[in-house]
Amino acid sequence: MTLREPFTDPARQAAADRMGMFVFLATEVMLFGGILAVALTDRIRHPEAVIAASSRLDLWLGAINTVVLLTSSLAMAIAAVAARQDRRRATLAAVLVTAALGLAFLGLKSLEYAQDYAKGLLPALAPPATPTDPAQALFLNLYLVATALHAVHLTIGIGLVLWLAIRIARRRPAQAMAAELTGLYWHFVDIVWVFLYPVLYLVR
């Protein structure tokens, strides 16, 4: 197996880095796209059961988390622009705000999971008062899988953002490209939630 050396031309290296990130994100699109396709199919085949299950989810907590993630995307975009302009303090501040908003999302989601469990909305975890309707249980299991998988990706994103913050604090080189690639991943995770929210919460 032969490993290629990095390109000596910074522009070619940057293009290769972007392409690698886009290829990775394409595989993630297929993963979440499959889950969304199953959820939509379940909605078409069992509309009444899915509506009944979705109506028990906390619409407002989901909406607040949507606003939190959209705000974090704005902060990450500001960080990427500031990094290209070599404004270290502004970049670091925007990156830390992004990480804080990501942690806020996970905190609110943990609170929502606790409420869901108490209401019997997580059949896979065998909580009390679990729905007996198989179609409702399928939708709620898809809700758990999709949102938990998203939370895992967001946790990875927070790790990347904090890694970027450390690079910036230590004045490491190539901060602009690191911020751009981290931003691409972060925006992808946010976009996934923008699709998950209406499919899971707004089925009324």
C-alpha atoms as a PDB file:
ATOM      1  CA  MET A   1       0.000   0.000   0.000  1.00  0.00           C
ATOM      2  CA  THR A   2       1.378   3.377  -1.065  1.00  0.00           C
ATOM      3  CA  LEU A   3       0.669   6.535   0.878  1.00  0.00           C
ATOM      4  CA  ARG A   4       0.688   9.796  -1.058  1.00  0.00           C
ATOM      5  CA  GLU A   5       2.703  12.684   0.282  1.00  0.00           C
ATOM      6  CA  PRO A   6       0.770  15.913   0.868  1.00  0.00           C
ATOM      7  CA  PHE A   7       0.706  18.291  -2.079  1.00  0.00           C
ATOM      8  CA  THR A   8       3.450  20.905  -2.046  1.00  0.00           C
ATOM      9  CA  ASP A   9       1.042  23.384  -3.639  1.00  0.00           C
ATOM     10  CA  PRO A  10      -1.206  24.761  -0.850  1.00  0.00           C
ATOM     11  CA  ALA A  11      -4.077  25.339  -3.272  1.00  0.00           C
ATOM     12  CA  ARG A  12      -4.009  21.722  -4.469  1.00  0.00           C
ATOM     13  CA  GLN A  13      -3.769  20.472  -0.883  1.00  0.00           C
ATOM     14  CA  ALA A  14      -6.752  22.610   0.114  1.00  0.00           C
ATOM     15  CA  ALA A  15      -8.773  21.265  -2.834  1.00  0.00           C
ATOM     16  CA  ALA A  16      -7.870  17.693  -1.859  1.00  0.00           C
ATOM     17  CA  ASP A  17      -8.864  18.326   1.755  1.00  0.00           C
ATOM     18  CA  ARG A  18     -12.236  19.720   0.683  1.00  0.00           C
ATOM     19  CA  MET A  19     -12.839  16.807  -1.651  1.00  0.00           C
ATOM     20  CA  GLY A  20     -12.060  14.333   1.114  1.00  0.00           C
ATOM     21  CA  MET A  21     -14.528  16.047   3.430  1.00  0.00           C
ATOM     22  CA  PHE A  22     -17.248  16.132   0.750  1.00  0.00           C
ATOM     23  CA  VAL A  23     -16.790  12.405   0.059  1.00  0.00           C
ATOM     24  CA  PHE A  24     -17.074  11.651   3.767  1.00  0.00           C
ATOM     25  CA  LEU A  25     -20.187  13.805   4.104  1.00  0.00           C
ATOM     26  CA  ALA A  26     -21.732  12.046   1.094  1.00  0.00           C
ATOM     27  CA  THR A  27     -21.534   8.740   2.975  1.00  0.00           C
ATOM     28  CA  GLU A  28     -23.197  10.392   5.969  1.00  0.00           C
ATOM     29  CA  VAL A  29     -25.974  11.717   3.740  1.00  0.00           C
ATOM     30  CA  MET A  30     -26.721   8.146   2.666  1.00  0.00           C
ATOM     31  CA  LEU A  31     -26.841   7.027   6.304  1.00  0.00           C
ATOM     32  CA  PHE A  32     -29.285   9.679   7.484  1.00  0.00           C
ATOM     33  CA  GLY A  33     -31.147   9.630   4.171  1.00  0.00           C
ATOM     34  CA  GLY A  34     -31.932   5.959   4.704  1.00  0.00           C
ATOM     35  CA  ILE A  35     -33.303   6.612   8.178  1.00  0.00           C
ATOM     36  CA  LEU A  36     -35.446   9.485   6.928  1.00  0.00           C
ATOM     37  CA  ALA A  37     -36.732   7.352   4.066  1.00  0.00           C
ATOM     38  CA  VAL A  38     -37.861   4.647   6.498  1.00  0.00           C
ATOM     39  CA  ALA A  39     -39.554   7.260   8.709  1.00  0.00           C
ATOM     40  CA  LEU A  40     -41.400   8.776   5.745  1.00  0.00           C
ATOM     41  CA  THR A  41     -42.441   5.335   4.514  1.00  0.00           C
ATOM     42  CA  ASP A  42     -43.805   4.541   7.964  1.00  0.00           C
ATOM     43  CA  ARG A  43     -45.699   7.858   7.869  1.00  0.00           C
ATOM     44  CA  ILE A  44     -47.295   6.969   4.521  1.00  0.00           C
ATOM     45  CA  ARG A  45     -48.212   3.412   5.505  1.00  0.00           C
ATOM     46  CA  HIS A  46     -49.436   4.155   9.041  1.00  0.00           C
ATOM     47  CA  PRO A  47     -50.473   7.839   9.092  1.00  0.00           C
ATOM     48  CA  GLU A  48     -52.752   7.721  12.135  1.00  0.00           C
ATOM     49  CA  ALA A  49     -50.299   5.788  14.302  1.00  0.00           C
ATOM     50  CA  VAL A  50     -47.379   8.019  13.351  1.00  0.00           C
ATOM     51  CA  ILE A  51     -49.368  11.194  13.984  1.00  0.00           C
ATOM     52  CA  ALA A  52     -50.431   9.856  17.386  1.00  0.00           C
ATOM     53  CA  ALA A  53     -46.837   9.039  18.325  1.00  0.00           C
ATOM     54  CA  SER A  54     -45.339  12.274  16.974  1.00  0.00           C
ATOM     55  CA  SER A  55     -47.923  14.405  18.778  1.00  0.00           C
ATOM     56  CA  ARG A  56     -46.560  13.143  22.114  1.00  0.00           C
ATOM     57  CA  LEU A  57     -43.039  14.445  21.404  1.00  0.00           C
ATOM     58  CA  ASP A  58     -42.035  17.777  22.932  1.00  0.00           C
ATOM     59  CA  LEU A  59     -42.493  20.136  19.987  1.00  0.00           C
ATOM     60  CA  TRP A  60     -41.163  23.185  21.824  1.00  0.00           C
ATOM     61  CA  LEU A  61     -37.991  21.579  23.130  1.00  0.00           C
ATOM     62  CA  GLY A  62     -37.303  20.411  19.605  1.00  0.00           C
ATOM     63  CA  ALA A  63     -37.934  23.941  18.303  1.00  0.00           C
ATOM     64  CA  ILE A  64     -35.619  25.488  20.902  1.00  0.00           C
ATOM     65  CA  ASN A  65     -32.902  23.011  19.976  1.00  0.00           C
ATOM     66  CA  THR A  66     -33.384  23.890  16.313  1.00  0.00           C
ATOM     67  CA  VAL A  67     -32.786  27.570  17.103  1.00  0.00           C
ATOM     68  CA  VAL A  68     -29.730  26.625  19.186  1.00  0.00           C
ATOM     69  CA  LEU A  69     -28.196  24.653  16.319  1.00  0.00           C
ATOM     70  CA  LEU A  70     -28.954  27.303  13.706  1.00  0.00           C
ATOM     71  CA  THR A  71     -27.297  29.892  15.944  1.00  0.00           C
ATOM     72  CA  SER A  72     -24.284  27.604  16.345  1.00  0.00           C
ATOM     73  CA  SER A  73     -24.010  27.378  12.547  1.00  0.00           C
ATOM     74  CA  LEU A  74     -23.914  31.170  12.384  1.00  0.00           C
ATOM     75  CA  ALA A  75     -21.156  31.218  15.015  1.00  0.00           C
ATOM     76  CA  MET A  76     -19.182  28.584  13.098  1.00  0.00           C
ATOM     77  CA  ALA A  77     -19.531  30.560   9.866  1.00  0.00           C
ATOM     78  CA  ILE A  78     -18.243  33.665  11.647  1.00  0.00           C
ATOM     79  CA  ALA A  79     -15.295  31.618  12.935  1.00  0.00           C
ATOM     80  CA  ALA A  80     -14.421  30.439   9.414  1.00  0.00           C
ATOM     81  CA  VAL A  81     -14.527  33.990   8.035  1.00  0.00           C
ATOM     82  CA  ALA A  82     -12.450  35.338  10.931  1.00  0.00           C
ATOM     83  CA  ALA A  83      -9.902  32.543  10.438  1.00  0.00           C
ATOM     84  CA  ARG A  84      -9.499  33.459   6.755  1.00  0.00           C
ATOM     85  CA  GLN A  85      -8.888  37.051   7.835  1.00  0.00           C
ATOM     86  CA  ASP A  86      -6.337  35.851  10.413  1.00  0.00           C
ATOM     87  CA  ARG A  87      -8.307  37.375  13.305  1.00  0.00           C
ATOM     88  CA  ARG A  88      -7.252  34.922  16.001  1.00  0.00           C
ATOM     89  CA  ARG A  89      -9.242  36.304  18.927  1.00  0.00           C
ATOM     90  CA  ALA A  90     -12.462  36.613  16.943  1.00  0.00           C
ATOM     91  CA  THR A  91     -11.992  33.100  15.582  1.00  0.00           C
ATOM     92  CA  LEU A  92     -11.396  31.656  19.035  1.00  0.00           C
ATOM     93  CA  ALA A  93     -14.404  33.455  20.507  1.00  0.00           C
ATOM     94  CA  ALA A  94     -16.731  32.260  17.719  1.00  0.00           C
ATOM     95  CA  VAL A  95     -15.426  28.701  18.002  1.00  0.00           C
ATOM     96  CA  LEU A  96     -16.008  28.623  21.751  1.00  0.00           C
ATOM     97  CA  VAL A  97     -19.551  29.965  21.276  1.00  0.00           C
ATOM     98  CA  THR A  98     -20.146  27.192  18.740  1.00  0.00           C
ATOM     99  CA  ALA A  99     -18.979  24.529  21.195  1.00  0.00           C
ATOM    100  CA  ALA A 100     -21.079  26.022  24.009  1.00  0.00           C
ATOM    101  CA  LEU A 101     -24.206  25.970  21.844  1.00  0.00           C
ATOM    102  CA  GLY A 102     -23.495  22.374  20.872  1.00  0.00           C
ATOM    103  CA  LEU A 103     -23.255  21.419  24.542  1.00  0.00           C
ATOM    104  CA  ALA A 104     -26.495  23.307  25.209  1.00  0.00           C
ATOM    105  CA  PHE A 105     -28.210  21.254  22.504  1.00  0.00           C
ATOM    106  CA  LEU A 106     -27.003  17.993  24.070  1.00  0.00           C
ATOM    107  CA  GLY A 107     -28.146  19.139  27.499  1.00  0.00           C
ATOM    108  CA  LEU A 108     -31.637  19.964  26.245  1.00  0.00           C
ATOM    109  CA  LYS A 109     -31.775  16.707  24.306  1.00  0.00           C
ATOM    110  CA  SER A 110     -30.828  14.753  27.435  1.00  0.00           C
ATOM    111  CA  LEU A 111     -33.657  16.489  29.293  1.00  0.00           C
ATOM    112  CA  GLU A 112     -36.035  15.603  26.486  1.00  0.00           C
ATOM    113  CA  TYR A 113     -34.943  11.955  26.534  1.00  0.00           C
ATOM    114  CA  ALA A 114     -35.659  11.815  30.260  1.00  0.00           C
ATOM    115  CA  GLN A 115     -39.155  13.165  29.626  1.00  0.00           C
ATOM    116  CA  ASP A 116     -39.665  10.769  26.721  1.00  0.00           C
ATOM    117  CA  TYR A 117     -38.673   7.808  28.869  1.00  0.00           C
ATOM    118  CA  ALA A 118     -41.075   8.845  31.627  1.00  0.00           C
ATOM    119  CA  LYS A 119     -43.885   9.115  29.076  1.00  0.00           C
ATOM    120  CA  GLY A 120     -43.076   5.703  27.549  1.00  0.00           C
ATOM    121  CA  LEU A 121     -41.866   7.130  24.236  1.00  0.00           C
ATOM    122  CA  LEU A 122     -38.658   5.103  23.999  1.00  0.00           C
ATOM    123  CA  PRO A 123     -39.891   1.527  23.380  1.00  0.00           C
ATOM    124  CA  ALA A 124     -36.374   0.229  22.666  1.00  0.00           C
ATOM    125  CA  LEU A 125     -35.436   1.031  26.275  1.00  0.00           C
ATOM    126  CA  ALA A 126     -38.545  -0.728  27.670  1.00  0.00           C
ATOM    127  CA  PRO A 127     -39.878   2.214  29.688  1.00  0.00           C
ATOM    128  CA  PRO A 128     -43.214   2.128  31.506  1.00  0.00           C
ATOM    129  CA  ALA A 129     -46.368   2.782  29.445  1.00  0.00           C
ATOM    130  CA  THR A 130     -44.739   1.718  26.168  1.00  0.00           C
ATOM    131  CA  PRO A 131     -47.136   1.995  23.181  1.00  0.00           C
ATOM    132  CA  THR A 132     -48.597  -1.368  22.189  1.00  0.00           C
ATOM    133  CA  ASP A 133     -49.280  -0.315  18.597  1.00  0.00           C
ATOM    134  CA  PRO A 134     -46.387  -1.724  16.485  1.00  0.00           C
ATOM    135  CA  ALA A 135     -46.550   1.201  14.042  1.00  0.00           C
ATOM    136  CA  GLN A 136     -46.240   3.723  16.865  1.00  0.00           C
ATOM    137  CA  ALA A 137     -43.406   1.743  18.416  1.00  0.00           C
ATOM    138  CA  LEU A 138     -41.583   1.644  15.047  1.00  0.00           C
ATOM    139  CA  PHE A 139     -41.837   5.405  14.635  1.00  0.00           C
ATOM    140  CA  LEU A 140     -40.637   6.054  18.195  1.00  0.00           C
ATOM    141  CA  ASN A 141     -37.729   3.644  17.743  1.00  0.00           C
ATOM    142  CA  LEU A 142     -36.791   5.486  14.533  1.00  0.00           C
ATOM    143  CA  TYR A 143     -36.998   8.734  16.495  1.00  0.00           C
ATOM    144  CA  LEU A 144     -34.586   7.361  19.091  1.00  0.00           C
ATOM    145  CA  VAL A 145     -32.149   5.947  16.537  1.00  0.00           C
ATOM    146  CA  ALA A 146     -32.142   9.082  14.376  1.00  0.00           C
ATOM    147  CA  THR A 147     -31.781  11.592  17.211  1.00  0.00           C
ATOM    148  CA  ALA A 148     -29.240   9.504  19.131  1.00  0.00           C
ATOM    149  CA  LEU A 149     -27.144   9.050  15.988  1.00  0.00           C
ATOM    150  CA  HIS A 150     -27.359  12.770  15.384  1.00  0.00           C
ATOM    151  CA  ALA A 151     -26.270  13.417  18.987  1.00  0.00           C
ATOM    152  CA  VAL A 152     -23.231  11.174  18.456  1.00  0.00           C
ATOM    153  CA  HIS A 153     -22.269  13.135  15.345  1.00  0.00           C
ATOM    154  CA  LEU A 154     -22.777  16.400  17.211  1.00  0.00           C
ATOM    155  CA  THR A 155     -20.558  15.166  20.040  1.00  0.00           C
ATOM    156  CA  ILE A 156     -17.833  14.417  17.488  1.00  0.00           C
ATOM    157  CA  GLY A 157     -18.368  17.896  16.070  1.00  0.00           C
ATOM    158  CA  ILE A 158     -17.928  19.467  19.498  1.00  0.00           C
ATOM    159  CA  GLY A 159     -14.680  17.539  19.861  1.00  0.00           C
ATOM    160  CA  LEU A 160     -13.468  18.874  16.503  1.00  0.00           C
ATOM    161  CA  VAL A 161     -14.448  22.425  17.440  1.00  0.00           C
ATOM    162  CA  LEU A 162     -12.585  22.190  20.752  1.00  0.00           C
ATOM    163  CA  TRP A 163      -9.562  20.738  18.914  1.00  0.00           C
ATOM    164  CA  LEU A 164      -9.727  23.753  16.607  1.00  0.00           C
ATOM    165  CA  ALA A 165      -9.895  26.073  19.625  1.00  0.00           C
ATOM    166  CA  ILE A 166      -6.723  24.495  21.016  1.00  0.00           C
ATOM    167  CA  ARG A 167      -4.967  24.951  17.653  1.00  0.00           C
ATOM    168  CA  ILE A 168      -5.977  28.605  17.594  1.00  0.00           C
ATOM    169  CA  ALA A 169      -4.915  29.204  21.203  1.00  0.00           C
ATOM    170  CA  ARG A 170      -1.514  27.650  20.450  1.00  0.00           C
ATOM    171  CA  ARG A 171      -1.165  29.669  17.232  1.00  0.00           C
ATOM    172  CA  ARG A 172      -0.822  26.570  15.068  1.00  0.00           C
ATOM    173  CA  PRO A 173      -0.575  27.133  11.283  1.00  0.00           C
ATOM    174  CA  ALA A 174      -3.289  26.409   8.691  1.00  0.00           C
ATOM    175  CA  GLN A 175      -6.103  27.580  10.971  1.00  0.00           C
ATOM    176  CA  ALA A 176      -8.222  28.824   8.043  1.00  0.00           C
ATOM    177  CA  MET A 177      -8.398  25.399   6.367  1.00  0.00           C
ATOM    178  CA  ALA A 178      -8.972  23.630   9.691  1.00  0.00           C
ATOM    179  CA  ALA A 179     -11.820  26.055  10.443  1.00  0.00           C
ATOM    180  CA  GLU A 180     -13.318  25.561   6.984  1.00  0.00           C
ATOM    181  CA  LEU A 181     -13.291  21.754   7.191  1.00  0.00           C
ATOM    182  CA  THR A 182     -14.610  21.755  10.756  1.00  0.00           C
ATOM    183  CA  GLY A 183     -17.289  24.181   9.640  1.00  0.00           C
ATOM    184  CA  LEU A 184     -18.356  21.909   6.778  1.00  0.00           C
ATOM    185  CA  TYR A 185     -18.849  19.030   9.190  1.00  0.00           C
ATOM    186  CA  TRP A 186     -20.671  21.230  11.724  1.00  0.00           C
ATOM    187  CA  HIS A 187     -23.027  22.655   9.115  1.00  0.00           C
ATOM    188  CA  PHE A 188     -23.784  19.148   7.872  1.00  0.00           C
ATOM    189  CA  VAL A 189     -24.779  18.015  11.365  1.00  0.00           C
ATOM    190  CA  ASP A 190     -27.003  21.071  11.700  1.00  0.00           C
ATOM    191  CA  ILE A 191     -28.633  20.465   8.313  1.00  0.00           C
ATOM    192  CA  VAL A 192     -29.394  16.881   9.333  1.00  0.00           C
ATOM    193  CA  TRP A 193     -31.328  18.215  12.330  1.00  0.00           C
ATOM    194  CA  VAL A 194     -33.185  20.688  10.098  1.00  0.00           C
ATOM    195  CA  PHE A 195     -34.518  17.648   8.204  1.00  0.00           C
ATOM    196  CA  LEU A 196     -35.087  15.494  11.287  1.00  0.00           C
ATOM    197  CA  TYR A 197     -37.139  18.101  13.124  1.00  0.00           C
ATOM    198  CA  PRO A 198     -40.057  18.366  10.654  1.00  0.00           C
ATOM    199  CA  VAL A 199     -40.069  14.652   9.853  1.00  0.00           C
ATOM    200  CA  LEU A 200     -40.178  13.610  13.509  1.00  0.00           C
ATOM    201  CA  TYR A 201     -41.856  16.493  15.342  1.00  0.00           C
ATOM    202  CA  LEU A 202     -44.136  18.247  12.870  1.00  0.00           C
ATOM    203  CA  VAL A 203     -46.193  15.228  11.807  1.00  0.00           C
ATOM    204  CA  ARG A 204     -49.585  16.523  12.895  1.00  0.00           C
END
